[in-house]
Amino acid sequence: MIMPGKVADGVKICESAFERLKAGLSVTPAHVGIDGSKITAGIVSVEAGFDRGYLKKSRKSHMSLIARIEACRAECRTTSNSKALQIKSAQNKAGKAVAELEQARDQLYQVLSQNLQLVERVRELENKLRCYQVSLEN
């Protein structure tokens, strides 16, 4: 038989365990650093020192905490999906930037090569001009 107050104490212990898990301050080694999207009622129960099946949807006193756990999971899934999309977007932008950099570098080398050819051609023409000027003077 459950004593009055015992259920409420168990729920409070589970609530504390849930808050520790969300904060990343688990006392159970297996739960240290657990992702918020992986927190379940069973994990909260174990973190609180109960067996995995302590928290049940069928128990009225547990319904509120279980709803908060499920909401936390859903929010963390959305957040991690959003972060994954942000990372993928950043990687795409970085890839495009690298491609643009390579293209700009290729254009730079092409222009430098053309400039060197033009400089060499100008030298040749200046030398020819000098030769003509010298031949005209003589």
N, C-alpha and C. Protein backbone atom coordinates (compact mmCIF):
# COMPACT_ATOMS: atom_id res chain seq x y z
N MET A 1 0.84 -1.19 0.00
CA MET A 1 0.00 0.00 0.00
C MET A 1 0.88 1.25 0.00
N ILE A 2 0.54 2.22 -0.83
CA ILE A 2 1.32 3.45 -0.94
C ILE A 2 0.83 4.43 0.11
N MET A 3 1.76 4.96 0.82
CA MET A 3 1.45 5.93 1.87
C MET A 3 1.22 7.29 1.22
N PRO A 4 0.29 8.09 1.76
CA PRO A 4 0.10 9.44 1.23
C PRO A 4 1.41 10.22 1.34
N GLY A 5 1.73 10.94 0.32
CA GLY A 5 2.97 11.71 0.32
C GLY A 5 4.12 10.96 -0.32
N LYS A 6 4.10 9.64 -0.31
CA LYS A 6 5.18 8.85 -0.91
C LYS A 6 5.22 9.05 -2.43
N VAL A 7 4.03 9.06 -3.07
CA VAL A 7 3.96 9.26 -4.52
C VAL A 7 4.47 10.65 -4.86
N ALA A 8 4.02 11.62 -4.10
CA ALA A 8 4.45 13.00 -4.36
C ALA A 8 5.96 13.13 -4.17
N ASP A 9 6.51 12.44 -3.16
CA ASP A 9 7.95 12.49 -2.95
C ASP A 9 8.69 11.85 -4.13
N GLY A 10 8.18 10.73 -4.62
CA GLY A 10 8.80 10.06 -5.77
C GLY A 10 8.77 10.93 -7.01
N VAL A 11 7.66 11.63 -7.22
CA VAL A 11 7.54 12.52 -8.37
C VAL A 11 8.52 13.69 -8.21
N LYS A 12 8.64 14.21 -7.00
CA LYS A 12 9.59 15.31 -6.76
C LYS A 12 11.02 14.86 -7.02
N ILE A 13 11.34 13.65 -6.59
CA ILE A 13 12.68 13.11 -6.84
C ILE A 13 12.91 12.97 -8.35
N CYS A 14 11.88 12.49 -9.04
CA CYS A 14 11.99 12.36 -10.50
C CYS A 14 12.10 13.73 -11.17
N GLU A 15 11.38 14.72 -10.66
CA GLU A 15 11.48 16.07 -11.23
C GLU A 15 12.89 16.61 -11.06
N SER A 16 13.49 16.38 -9.89
CA SER A 16 14.87 16.81 -9.66
C SER A 16 15.82 16.10 -10.63
N ALA A 17 15.58 14.80 -10.81
CA ALA A 17 16.41 14.03 -11.73
C ALA A 17 16.27 14.57 -13.15
N PHE A 18 15.06 14.90 -13.55
CA PHE A 18 14.80 15.45 -14.88
C PHE A 18 15.55 16.77 -15.07
N GLU A 19 15.49 17.63 -14.09
CA GLU A 19 16.20 18.91 -14.16
C GLU A 19 17.71 18.70 -14.25
N ARG A 20 18.23 17.73 -13.50
CA ARG A 20 19.67 17.42 -13.58
C ARG A 20 20.03 16.95 -14.98
N LEU A 21 19.20 16.08 -15.54
CA LEU A 21 19.47 15.57 -16.88
C LEU A 21 19.47 16.70 -17.91
N LYS A 22 18.49 17.58 -17.81
CA LYS A 22 18.42 18.71 -18.76
C LYS A 22 19.64 19.61 -18.62
N ALA A 23 20.12 19.77 -17.38
CA ALA A 23 21.26 20.65 -17.13
C ALA A 23 22.59 19.96 -17.42
N GLY A 24 22.54 18.66 -17.73
CA GLY A 24 23.77 17.93 -17.99
C GLY A 24 24.53 17.58 -16.72
N LEU A 25 23.83 17.50 -15.60
CA LEU A 25 24.46 17.24 -14.31
C LEU A 25 24.05 15.88 -13.75
N SER A 26 23.98 14.89 -14.58
CA SER A 26 23.53 13.55 -14.17
C SER A 26 24.48 12.96 -13.12
N VAL A 27 23.89 12.22 -12.19
CA VAL A 27 24.70 11.50 -11.21
C VAL A 27 24.85 10.04 -11.62
N THR A 28 24.11 9.60 -12.61
CA THR A 28 24.22 8.24 -13.13
C THR A 28 25.22 8.27 -14.28
N PRO A 29 26.34 7.53 -14.17
CA PRO A 29 27.38 7.59 -15.20
C PRO A 29 26.88 7.35 -16.62
N ALA A 30 25.91 6.47 -16.79
CA ALA A 30 25.41 6.17 -18.14
C ALA A 30 24.67 7.34 -18.75
N HIS A 31 24.23 8.29 -17.93
CA HIS A 31 23.43 9.40 -18.43
C HIS A 31 24.22 10.71 -18.55
N VAL A 32 25.48 10.68 -18.20
CA VAL A 32 26.28 11.91 -18.27
C VAL A 32 26.37 12.37 -19.72
N GLY A 33 26.02 13.62 -19.96
CA GLY A 33 26.11 14.20 -21.29
C GLY A 33 25.04 13.72 -22.25
N ILE A 34 23.97 13.14 -21.75
CA ILE A 34 22.91 12.63 -22.63
C ILE A 34 22.24 13.78 -23.36
N ASP A 35 21.96 13.56 -24.62
CA ASP A 35 21.29 14.56 -25.44
C ASP A 35 19.84 14.69 -24.96
N GLY A 36 19.32 15.90 -24.93
CA GLY A 36 17.96 16.14 -24.46
C GLY A 36 16.91 15.38 -25.24
N SER A 37 17.18 15.10 -26.50
CA SER A 37 16.20 14.37 -27.31
C SER A 37 16.15 12.89 -26.94
N LYS A 38 17.07 12.44 -26.11
CA LYS A 38 17.12 11.04 -25.70
C LYS A 38 16.60 10.82 -24.29
N ILE A 39 16.20 11.88 -23.61
CA ILE A 39 15.68 11.74 -22.25
C ILE A 39 14.28 11.15 -22.31
N THR A 40 14.08 10.06 -21.60
CA THR A 40 12.78 9.40 -21.55
C THR A 40 12.34 9.27 -20.10
N ALA A 41 11.10 8.87 -19.91
CA ALA A 41 10.59 8.65 -18.56
C ALA A 41 11.41 7.57 -17.86
N GLY A 42 11.81 6.54 -18.59
CA GLY A 42 12.63 5.48 -18.02
C GLY A 42 13.97 5.98 -17.56
N ILE A 43 14.60 6.82 -18.34
CA ILE A 43 15.90 7.37 -17.98
C ILE A 43 15.77 8.27 -16.76
N VAL A 44 14.71 9.07 -16.72
CA VAL A 44 14.47 9.93 -15.56
C VAL A 44 14.27 9.06 -14.31
N SER A 45 13.51 7.98 -14.45
CA SER A 45 13.27 7.08 -13.32
C SER A 45 14.57 6.51 -12.77
N VAL A 46 15.44 6.04 -13.67
CA VAL A 46 16.72 5.47 -13.26
C VAL A 46 17.59 6.55 -12.62
N GLU A 47 17.62 7.72 -13.21
CA GLU A 47 18.39 8.84 -12.66
C GLU A 47 17.91 9.18 -11.25
N ALA A 48 16.60 9.02 -11.00
CA ALA A 48 16.03 9.32 -9.69
C ALA A 48 16.28 8.19 -8.69
N GLY A 49 16.79 7.06 -9.16
CA GLY A 49 17.07 5.96 -8.25
C GLY A 49 15.98 4.91 -8.23
N PHE A 50 15.01 5.01 -9.14
CA PHE A 50 13.94 4.02 -9.23
C PHE A 50 14.22 3.08 -10.39
N ASP A 51 13.38 2.05 -10.54
CA ASP A 51 13.53 1.19 -11.70
C ASP A 51 12.98 1.92 -12.94
N ARG A 52 13.36 1.42 -14.11
CA ARG A 52 13.04 2.08 -15.37
C ARG A 52 11.54 2.31 -15.57
N GLY A 53 10.71 1.49 -15.01
CA GLY A 53 9.27 1.60 -15.22
C GLY A 53 8.53 2.38 -14.15
N TYR A 54 9.24 3.12 -13.33
CA TYR A 54 8.58 3.84 -12.23
C TYR A 54 7.56 4.85 -12.74
N LEU A 55 7.98 5.71 -13.66
CA LEU A 55 7.06 6.72 -14.19
C LEU A 55 6.14 6.09 -15.23
N LYS A 56 4.85 6.24 -15.04
CA LYS A 56 3.87 5.65 -15.96
C LYS A 56 2.84 6.69 -16.38
N LYS A 57 2.46 6.63 -17.64
CA LYS A 57 1.43 7.55 -18.15
C LYS A 57 0.09 7.30 -17.48
N SER A 58 -0.13 6.10 -17.03
CA SER A 58 -1.42 5.77 -16.43
C SER A 58 -1.59 6.33 -15.01
N ARG A 59 -0.52 6.81 -14.42
CA ARG A 59 -0.59 7.38 -13.07
C ARG A 59 -0.80 8.88 -13.19
N LYS A 60 -1.91 9.34 -12.61
CA LYS A 60 -2.25 10.77 -12.70
C LYS A 60 -1.14 11.66 -12.17
N SER A 61 -0.52 11.28 -11.10
CA SER A 61 0.50 12.12 -10.49
C SER A 61 1.76 12.21 -11.36
N HIS A 62 1.91 11.30 -12.30
CA HIS A 62 3.09 11.28 -13.16
C HIS A 62 2.86 11.98 -14.50
N MET A 63 1.59 12.21 -14.84
CA MET A 63 1.26 12.72 -16.17
C MET A 63 1.93 14.05 -16.50
N SER A 64 1.96 14.95 -15.55
CA SER A 64 2.55 16.27 -15.79
C SER A 64 4.04 16.16 -16.10
N LEU A 65 4.75 15.39 -15.31
CA LEU A 65 6.19 15.23 -15.53
C LEU A 65 6.46 14.52 -16.86
N ILE A 66 5.69 13.50 -17.16
CA ILE A 66 5.88 12.79 -18.43
C ILE A 66 5.61 13.72 -19.61
N ALA A 67 4.61 14.57 -19.48
CA ALA A 67 4.32 15.54 -20.55
C ALA A 67 5.50 16.50 -20.72
N ARG A 68 6.10 16.95 -19.62
CA ARG A 68 7.27 17.84 -19.70
C ARG A 68 8.46 17.13 -20.33
N ILE A 69 8.63 15.87 -19.99
CA ILE A 69 9.73 15.09 -20.58
C ILE A 69 9.54 14.98 -22.09
N GLU A 70 8.33 14.67 -22.52
CA GLU A 70 8.06 14.54 -23.95
C GLU A 70 8.20 15.88 -24.67
N ALA A 71 7.78 16.95 -24.01
CA ALA A 71 7.94 18.28 -24.61
C ALA A 71 9.42 18.63 -24.77
N CYS A 72 10.19 18.29 -23.76
CA CYS A 72 11.64 18.55 -23.80
C CYS A 72 12.27 17.77 -24.96
N ARG A 73 11.88 16.51 -25.09
CA ARG A 73 12.42 15.69 -26.19
C ARG A 73 12.09 16.30 -27.54
N ALA A 74 10.82 16.71 -27.70
CA ALA A 74 10.40 17.28 -28.98
C ALA A 74 11.17 18.57 -29.27
N GLU A 75 11.32 19.40 -28.26
CA GLU A 75 12.04 20.67 -28.44
C GLU A 75 13.50 20.41 -28.79
N CYS A 76 14.11 19.45 -28.12
CA CYS A 76 15.52 19.13 -28.39
C CYS A 76 15.70 18.54 -29.78
N ARG A 77 14.72 17.73 -30.23
CA ARG A 77 14.79 17.18 -31.58
C ARG A 77 14.73 18.30 -32.60
N THR A 78 13.82 19.25 -32.37
CA THR A 78 13.69 20.39 -33.28
C THR A 78 14.96 21.21 -33.29
N THR A 79 15.52 21.45 -32.10
CA THR A 79 16.74 22.23 -31.99
C THR A 79 17.90 21.53 -32.67
N SER A 80 18.03 20.21 -32.45
CA SER A 80 19.15 19.51 -33.07
C SER A 80 18.96 19.42 -34.57
N ASN A 81 17.71 19.29 -35.05
CA ASN A 81 17.46 19.32 -36.50
C ASN A 81 17.82 20.68 -37.06
N SER A 82 17.45 21.73 -36.32
CA SER A 82 17.76 23.08 -36.76
C SER A 82 19.27 23.29 -36.80
N LYS A 83 19.97 22.80 -35.79
CA LYS A 83 21.43 22.92 -35.77
C LYS A 83 22.05 22.15 -36.92
N ALA A 84 21.51 20.97 -37.19
CA ALA A 84 22.03 20.16 -38.30
C ALA A 84 21.84 20.90 -39.62
N LEU A 85 20.68 21.54 -39.79
CA LEU A 85 20.44 22.32 -41.01
C LEU A 85 21.39 23.51 -41.10
N GLN A 86 21.64 24.17 -39.96
CA GLN A 86 22.55 25.30 -39.95
C GLN A 86 23.96 24.85 -40.32
N ILE A 87 24.37 23.70 -39.79
CA ILE A 87 25.70 23.18 -40.09
C ILE A 87 25.80 22.83 -41.57
N LYS A 88 24.77 22.17 -42.08
CA LYS A 88 24.77 21.79 -43.50
C LYS A 88 24.81 23.04 -44.38
N SER A 89 24.04 24.06 -44.02
CA SER A 89 24.03 25.31 -44.77
C SER A 89 25.40 25.97 -44.73
N ALA A 90 26.01 25.99 -43.55
CA ALA A 90 27.35 26.59 -43.42
C ALA A 90 28.37 25.82 -44.25
N GLN A 91 28.26 24.50 -44.26
CA GLN A 91 29.18 23.70 -45.07
C GLN A 91 28.99 23.98 -46.55
N ASN A 92 27.74 24.13 -46.98
CA ASN A 92 27.48 24.46 -48.38
C ASN A 92 28.07 25.81 -48.74
N LYS A 93 27.88 26.80 -47.86
CA LYS A 93 28.43 28.14 -48.11
C LYS A 93 29.95 28.08 -48.16
N ALA A 94 30.55 27.31 -47.26
CA ALA A 94 32.01 27.19 -47.25
C ALA A 94 32.49 26.54 -48.54
N GLY A 95 31.78 25.52 -48.98
CA GLY A 95 32.14 24.84 -50.23
C GLY A 95 32.08 25.78 -51.42
N LYS A 96 31.02 26.60 -51.46
CA LYS A 96 30.87 27.58 -52.55
C LYS A 96 31.99 28.62 -52.49
N ALA A 97 32.32 29.05 -51.28
CA ALA A 97 33.38 30.04 -51.11
C ALA A 97 34.72 29.48 -51.57
N VAL A 98 34.99 28.23 -51.26
CA VAL A 98 36.23 27.59 -51.69
C VAL A 98 36.27 27.50 -53.21
N ALA A 99 35.16 27.13 -53.81
CA ALA A 99 35.10 27.03 -55.27
C ALA A 99 35.32 28.40 -55.91
N GLU A 100 34.70 29.44 -55.34
CA GLU A 100 34.89 30.81 -55.87
C GLU A 100 36.34 31.25 -55.70
N LEU A 101 36.95 30.89 -54.58
CA LEU A 101 38.36 31.24 -54.34
C LEU A 101 39.26 30.58 -55.38
N GLU A 102 39.01 29.31 -55.65
CA GLU A 102 39.81 28.61 -56.66
C GLU A 102 39.63 29.23 -58.03
N GLN A 103 38.40 29.61 -58.35
CA GLN A 103 38.14 30.25 -59.64
C GLN A 103 38.86 31.60 -59.72
N ALA A 104 38.80 32.37 -58.66
CA ALA A 104 39.48 33.67 -58.63
C ALA A 104 40.99 33.48 -58.74
N ARG A 105 41.52 32.46 -58.07
CA ARG A 105 42.97 32.18 -58.13
C ARG A 105 43.37 31.80 -59.55
N ASP A 106 42.55 30.99 -60.21
CA ASP A 106 42.84 30.61 -61.61
C ASP A 106 42.85 31.85 -62.51
N GLN A 107 41.87 32.73 -62.32
CA GLN A 107 41.81 33.96 -63.11
C GLN A 107 43.02 34.84 -62.85
N LEU A 108 43.42 34.92 -61.58
CA LEU A 108 44.60 35.71 -61.22
C LEU A 108 45.84 35.19 -61.94
N TYR A 109 46.06 33.87 -61.89
CA TYR A 109 47.23 33.30 -62.56
C TYR A 109 47.18 33.51 -64.07
N GLN A 110 45.98 33.42 -64.62
CA GLN A 110 45.84 33.64 -66.06
C GLN A 110 46.20 35.09 -66.42
N VAL A 111 45.70 36.05 -65.66
CA VAL A 111 45.99 37.46 -65.92
C VAL A 111 47.48 37.76 -65.70
N LEU A 112 48.06 37.18 -64.65
CA LEU A 112 49.50 37.38 -64.41
C LEU A 112 50.32 36.83 -65.57
N SER A 113 49.93 35.68 -66.06
CA SER A 113 50.63 35.08 -67.19
C SER A 113 50.53 35.98 -68.43
N GLN A 114 49.33 36.50 -68.69
CA GLN A 114 49.15 37.40 -69.84
C GLN A 114 49.99 38.67 -69.65
N ASN A 115 50.02 39.20 -68.44
CA ASN A 115 50.81 40.41 -68.18
C ASN A 115 52.29 40.15 -68.41
N LEU A 116 52.77 38.99 -67.95
CA LEU A 116 54.19 38.67 -68.17
C LEU A 116 54.49 38.54 -69.66
N GLN A 117 53.58 37.97 -70.42
CA GLN A 117 53.77 37.85 -71.87
C GLN A 117 53.80 39.24 -72.51
N LEU A 118 52.91 40.11 -72.03
CA LEU A 118 52.89 41.47 -72.58
C LEU A 118 54.17 42.23 -72.23
N VAL A 119 54.65 42.07 -71.02
CA VAL A 119 55.90 42.73 -70.61
C VAL A 119 57.04 42.23 -71.49
N GLU A 120 57.09 40.93 -71.70
CA GLU A 120 58.14 40.36 -72.55
C GLU A 120 58.03 40.89 -73.97
N ARG A 121 56.82 41.01 -74.49
CA ARG A 121 56.62 41.53 -75.85
C ARG A 121 57.05 42.99 -75.93
N VAL A 122 56.74 43.78 -74.91
CA VAL A 122 57.14 45.19 -74.89
C VAL A 122 58.67 45.28 -74.89
N ARG A 123 59.35 44.42 -74.12
CA ARG A 123 60.82 44.42 -74.10
C ARG A 123 61.38 44.12 -75.49
N GLU A 124 60.78 43.13 -76.14
CA GLU A 124 61.24 42.78 -77.49
C GLU A 124 61.09 43.97 -78.43
N LEU A 125 59.92 44.63 -78.36
CA LEU A 125 59.68 45.77 -79.25
C LEU A 125 60.60 46.93 -78.92
N GLU A 126 60.86 47.15 -77.62
CA GLU A 126 61.80 48.23 -77.24
C GLU A 126 63.19 47.93 -77.77
N ASN A 127 63.61 46.66 -77.69
CA ASN A 127 64.93 46.28 -78.22
C ASN A 127 64.99 46.50 -79.73
N LYS A 128 63.93 46.14 -80.44
CA LYS A 128 63.90 46.36 -81.89
C LYS A 128 63.95 47.85 -82.20
N LEU A 129 63.21 48.64 -81.40
CA LEU A 129 63.21 50.08 -81.61
C LEU A 129 64.61 50.65 -81.42
N ARG A 130 65.30 50.20 -80.39
CA ARG A 130 66.67 50.66 -80.14
C ARG A 130 67.58 50.29 -81.32
N CYS A 131 67.41 49.06 -81.78
CA CYS A 131 68.22 48.61 -82.92
C CYS A 131 67.97 49.51 -84.15
N TYR A 132 66.71 49.83 -84.42
CA TYR A 132 66.39 50.70 -85.54
C TYR A 132 66.96 52.10 -85.34
N GLN A 133 66.86 52.57 -84.11
CA GLN A 133 67.37 53.92 -83.82
C GLN A 133 68.88 53.94 -84.00
N VAL A 134 69.55 52.90 -83.56
CA VAL A 134 71.01 52.83 -83.70
C VAL A 134 71.37 52.73 -85.18
N SER A 135 70.63 51.95 -85.95
CA SER A 135 70.93 51.81 -87.37
C SER A 135 70.65 53.11 -88.11
N LEU A 136 69.67 53.87 -87.69
CA LEU A 136 69.38 55.16 -88.32
C LEU A 136 70.46 56.18 -87.98
N GLU A 137 71.01 56.11 -86.83
CA GLU A 137 72.05 57.05 -86.42
C GLU A 137 73.35 56.78 -87.18
N ASN A 138 73.54 55.56 -87.55
CA ASN A 138 74.77 55.24 -88.25
C ASN A 138 74.62 55.46 -89.68
